[in-house]
Amino acid sequence: MRRSIFVAGLALAVALPLSAQEARLPADSMEIGQQYTKWFLAYEADSLWSHMTPEMQERNGGTDRLVEMMDQVALQVGTEVEVLEERYVTRNGKPQFWHTGRFSVMPEPIQIRWVIEPDGRISGAGINPASQAPPVDPE
């Protein structure tokens, strides 16, 4: 049985063309995306939780559920051994921070995605093998 590493509870939010992306992102958006990824990989659920929109919190059901998702990812992909790429894309009209890295258990690079609102809060997220990256909006 093939196990998917997509964490269902971290559902991606939907909803600006690339030209409008910069105006909607906080000035330190790259650092914010990097910090959220570090917190996720370091099991800092309380820190992540405090930076989620109320809607995202409602969808994810509490910090205990977030820790369960972190456990699931760690079991399936291991620990990160190398960062391959970090960038912003526009998907479904919203800017997303995409972190791609190599992990100790999974032979294929893994992508962690954060939908970051203009106020810096997380409104969506996703995890998948890099080869299964979702489509981005045309530039």
C-alpha atoms as a PDB file:
ATOM      1  CA  MET A   1       0.000   0.000   0.000  1.00  0.00           C
ATOM      2  CA  ARG A   2       1.416   3.385  -0.989  1.00  0.00           C
ATOM      3  CA  ARG A   3       1.312   5.896   1.824  1.00  0.00           C
ATOM      4  CA  SER A   4       0.667   9.479   0.918  1.00  0.00           C
ATOM      5  CA  ILE A   5       2.543  12.118   2.846  1.00  0.00           C
ATOM      6  CA  PHE A   6      -0.104  14.730   2.188  1.00  0.00           C
ATOM      7  CA  VAL A   7      -1.453  15.781   5.531  1.00  0.00           C
ATOM      8  CA  ALA A   8      -5.188  16.175   5.048  1.00  0.00           C
ATOM      9  CA  GLY A   9      -5.631  18.442   8.042  1.00  0.00           C
ATOM     10  CA  LEU A  10      -3.327  21.008   6.518  1.00  0.00           C
ATOM     11  CA  ALA A  11      -5.712  21.802   3.714  1.00  0.00           C
ATOM     12  CA  LEU A  12      -4.587  24.385   1.226  1.00  0.00           C
ATOM     13  CA  ALA A  13      -6.620  27.547   1.140  1.00  0.00           C
ATOM     14  CA  VAL A  14      -7.758  28.877  -2.180  1.00  0.00           C
ATOM     15  CA  ALA A  15      -7.965  32.267  -3.537  1.00  0.00           C
ATOM     16  CA  LEU A  16      -3.820  37.459  -6.874  1.00  0.00           C
ATOM     17  CA  PRO A  17      -1.726  37.346  -9.927  1.00  0.00           C
ATOM     18  CA  LEU A  18       2.059  37.347  -9.465  1.00  0.00           C
ATOM     19  CA  SER A  19       2.206  41.096 -10.060  1.00  0.00           C
ATOM     20  CA  ALA A  20      -0.123  41.687  -7.102  1.00  0.00           C
ATOM     21  CA  GLN A  21       1.677  39.119  -4.947  1.00  0.00           C
ATOM     22  CA  GLU A  22       4.390  41.487  -3.717  1.00  0.00           C
ATOM     23  CA  ALA A  23       1.841  44.032  -2.519  1.00  0.00           C
ATOM     24  CA  ARG A  24       0.021  41.363  -0.533  1.00  0.00           C
ATOM     25  CA  LEU A  25       3.035  39.813   1.186  1.00  0.00           C
ATOM     26  CA  PRO A  26       4.626  41.157   4.360  1.00  0.00           C
ATOM     27  CA  ALA A  27       8.029  42.800   3.796  1.00  0.00           C
ATOM     28  CA  ASP A  28       9.773  39.921   5.611  1.00  0.00           C
ATOM     29  CA  SER A  29       7.744  37.229   3.866  1.00  0.00           C
ATOM     30  CA  MET A  30      10.720  34.996   2.995  1.00  0.00           C
ATOM     31  CA  GLU A  31      11.826  34.940   6.636  1.00  0.00           C
ATOM     32  CA  ILE A  32       8.255  34.273   7.752  1.00  0.00           C
ATOM     33  CA  GLY A  33       7.923  31.252   5.448  1.00  0.00           C
ATOM     34  CA  GLN A  34      11.288  29.940   6.587  1.00  0.00           C
ATOM     35  CA  GLN A  35      10.311  30.372  10.237  1.00  0.00           C
ATOM     36  CA  TYR A  36       7.009  28.508   9.779  1.00  0.00           C
ATOM     37  CA  THR A  37       8.873  25.636   8.141  1.00  0.00           C
ATOM     38  CA  LYS A  38      11.421  25.521  10.976  1.00  0.00           C
ATOM     39  CA  TRP A  39       8.637  25.487  13.559  1.00  0.00           C
ATOM     40  CA  PHE A  40       6.835  22.684  11.740  1.00  0.00           C
ATOM     41  CA  LEU A  41       9.940  20.532  11.465  1.00  0.00           C
ATOM     42  CA  ALA A  42      10.911  21.245  15.106  1.00  0.00           C
ATOM     43  CA  TYR A  43       7.463  20.326  16.491  1.00  0.00           C
ATOM     44  CA  GLU A  44       6.797  23.877  17.675  1.00  0.00           C
ATOM     45  CA  ALA A  45       3.041  23.478  17.351  1.00  0.00           C
ATOM     46  CA  ASP A  46       2.160  26.304  19.742  1.00  0.00           C
ATOM     47  CA  SER A  47       4.222  28.781  17.712  1.00  0.00           C
ATOM     48  CA  LEU A  48       2.619  27.700  14.433  1.00  0.00           C
ATOM     49  CA  TRP A  49      -0.843  27.648  15.971  1.00  0.00           C
ATOM     50  CA  SER A  50      -0.517  31.232  17.208  1.00  0.00           C
ATOM     51  CA  HIS A  51       0.255  32.361  13.631  1.00  0.00           C
ATOM     52  CA  MET A  52      -2.702  30.630  11.945  1.00  0.00           C
ATOM     53  CA  THR A  53      -5.861  32.425  10.917  1.00  0.00           C
ATOM     54  CA  PRO A  54      -8.936  31.500  12.978  1.00  0.00           C
ATOM     55  CA  GLU A  55     -10.284  29.619   9.948  1.00  0.00           C
ATOM     56  CA  MET A  56      -7.094  27.590   9.657  1.00  0.00           C
ATOM     57  CA  GLN A  57      -7.206  26.824  13.375  1.00  0.00           C
ATOM     58  CA  GLU A  58     -10.800  25.663  13.067  1.00  0.00           C
ATOM     59  CA  ARG A  59      -9.931  23.351  10.148  1.00  0.00           C
ATOM     60  CA  ASN A  60      -7.011  21.815  12.039  1.00  0.00           C
ATOM     61  CA  GLY A  61      -8.644  21.155  15.385  1.00  0.00           C
ATOM     62  CA  GLY A  62      -6.032  22.178  17.950  1.00  0.00           C
ATOM     63  CA  THR A  63      -2.351  21.901  18.694  1.00  0.00           C
ATOM     64  CA  ASP A  64      -2.668  18.219  19.623  1.00  0.00           C
ATOM     65  CA  ARG A  65      -3.913  17.487  16.100  1.00  0.00           C
ATOM     66  CA  LEU A  66      -1.077  19.598  14.687  1.00  0.00           C
ATOM     67  CA  VAL A  67       1.472  17.528  16.640  1.00  0.00           C
ATOM     68  CA  GLU A  68      -0.138  14.347  15.237  1.00  0.00           C
ATOM     69  CA  MET A  69       0.376  15.738  11.725  1.00  0.00           C
ATOM     70  CA  MET A  70       3.999  16.565  12.538  1.00  0.00           C
ATOM     71  CA  ASP A  71       4.486  13.004  13.819  1.00  0.00           C
ATOM     72  CA  GLN A  72       2.942  11.571  10.654  1.00  0.00           C
ATOM     73  CA  VAL A  73       5.247  13.614   8.436  1.00  0.00           C
ATOM     74  CA  ALA A  74       8.350  12.771  10.506  1.00  0.00           C
ATOM     75  CA  LEU A  75       7.566   9.046  10.351  1.00  0.00           C
ATOM     76  CA  GLN A  76       7.051   9.094   6.606  1.00  0.00           C
ATOM     77  CA  VAL A  77       9.855  11.401   5.460  1.00  0.00           C
ATOM     78  CA  GLY A  78      12.354  11.519   8.341  1.00  0.00           C
ATOM     79  CA  THR A  79      14.380  14.590   9.169  1.00  0.00           C
ATOM     80  CA  GLU A  80      15.460  17.240   6.720  1.00  0.00           C
ATOM     81  CA  VAL A  81      19.051  16.858   5.567  1.00  0.00           C
ATOM     82  CA  GLU A  82      19.234  19.544   2.867  1.00  0.00           C
ATOM     83  CA  VAL A  83      17.236  22.581   1.750  1.00  0.00           C
ATOM     84  CA  LEU A  84      16.968  22.535  -2.038  1.00  0.00           C
ATOM     85  CA  GLU A  85      14.816  25.571  -2.762  1.00  0.00           C
ATOM     86  CA  GLU A  86      12.658  28.212  -1.120  1.00  0.00           C
ATOM     87  CA  ARG A  87      10.454  30.496  -3.183  1.00  0.00           C
ATOM     88  CA  TYR A  88       7.079  32.122  -3.538  1.00  0.00           C
ATOM     89  CA  VAL A  89       4.569  31.139  -6.191  1.00  0.00           C
ATOM     90  CA  THR A  90       1.013  32.185  -6.841  1.00  0.00           C
ATOM     91  CA  ARG A  91      -1.529  29.395  -6.673  1.00  0.00           C
ATOM     92  CA  ASN A  92      -5.280  29.893  -6.850  1.00  0.00           C
ATOM     93  CA  GLY A  93      -4.653  33.627  -6.710  1.00  0.00           C
ATOM     94  CA  LYS A  94      -2.755  33.564  -3.409  1.00  0.00           C
ATOM     95  CA  PRO A  95       0.958  33.765  -2.678  1.00  0.00           C
ATOM     96  CA  GLN A  96       2.432  30.570  -1.280  1.00  0.00           C
ATOM     97  CA  PHE A  97       5.848  29.944   0.250  1.00  0.00           C
ATOM     98  CA  TRP A  98       7.282  26.672  -1.088  1.00  0.00           C
ATOM     99  CA  HIS A  99      10.116  24.983   0.800  1.00  0.00           C
ATOM    100  CA  THR A 100      11.652  21.967  -0.936  1.00  0.00           C
ATOM    101  CA  GLY A 101      14.157  19.748   0.832  1.00  0.00           C
ATOM    102  CA  ARG A 102      15.742  16.320   1.008  1.00  0.00           C
ATOM    103  CA  PHE A 103      14.731  14.177   3.944  1.00  0.00           C
ATOM    104  CA  SER A 104      16.398  11.180   5.556  1.00  0.00           C
ATOM    105  CA  VAL A 105      13.735   8.545   4.838  1.00  0.00           C
ATOM    106  CA  MET A 106      12.109   9.649   1.592  1.00  0.00           C
ATOM    107  CA  PRO A 107      14.288   9.267  -1.515  1.00  0.00           C
ATOM    108  CA  GLU A 108      12.400  12.026  -3.341  1.00  0.00           C
ATOM    109  CA  PRO A 109      12.520  15.699  -2.297  1.00  0.00           C
ATOM    110  CA  ILE A 110       9.583  16.875  -0.201  1.00  0.00           C
ATOM    111  CA  GLN A 111       7.774  20.176  -0.548  1.00  0.00           C
ATOM    112  CA  ILE A 112       6.202  22.055   2.358  1.00  0.00           C
ATOM    113  CA  ARG A 113       3.801  24.839   1.340  1.00  0.00           C
ATOM    114  CA  TRP A 114       2.420  27.771   3.361  1.00  0.00           C
ATOM    115  CA  VAL A 115      -0.304  30.177   2.253  1.00  0.00           C
ATOM    116  CA  ILE A 116       0.665  33.431   3.956  1.00  0.00           C
ATOM    117  CA  GLU A 117      -1.792  36.298   4.241  1.00  0.00           C
ATOM    118  CA  PRO A 118      -0.824  40.009   4.048  1.00  0.00           C
ATOM    119  CA  ASP A 119      -0.775  40.137   7.852  1.00  0.00           C
ATOM    120  CA  GLY A 120       1.713  37.227   7.933  1.00  0.00           C
ATOM    121  CA  ARG A 121      -0.760  34.649   9.233  1.00  0.00           C
ATOM    122  CA  ILE A 122      -1.046  31.124   7.808  1.00  0.00           C
ATOM    123  CA  SER A 123      -4.315  30.456   6.006  1.00  0.00           C
ATOM    124  CA  GLY A 124      -3.361  27.164   4.375  1.00  0.00           C
ATOM    125  CA  ALA A 125      -0.607  24.595   4.064  1.00  0.00           C
ATOM    126  CA  GLY A 126       0.295  21.363   2.341  1.00  0.00           C
ATOM    127  CA  ILE A 127       3.004  18.738   2.079  1.00  0.00           C
ATOM    128  CA  ASN A 128       3.784  16.499  -0.862  1.00  0.00           C
ATOM    129  CA  PRO A 129       6.616  14.927  -2.839  1.00  0.00           C
ATOM    130  CA  ALA A 130       8.140  17.658  -5.026  1.00  0.00           C
ATOM    131  CA  SER A 131       7.222  15.685  -8.141  1.00  0.00           C
ATOM    132  CA  GLN A 132       3.570  16.048  -7.152  1.00  0.00           C
ATOM    133  CA  ALA A 133       3.644  19.813  -6.713  1.00  0.00           C
ATOM    134  CA  PRO A 134       0.283  21.337  -7.519  1.00  0.00           C
ATOM    135  CA  PRO A 135      -0.009  23.618 -10.537  1.00  0.00           C
ATOM    136  CA  VAL A 136       0.737  27.306 -10.078  1.00  0.00           C
ATOM    137  CA  ASP A 137      -1.058  30.243 -11.634  1.00  0.00           C
ATOM    138  CA  PRO A 138       0.302  31.397 -15.013  1.00  0.00           C
ATOM    139  CA  GLU A 139       2.587  34.415 -14.717  1.00  0.00           C
END
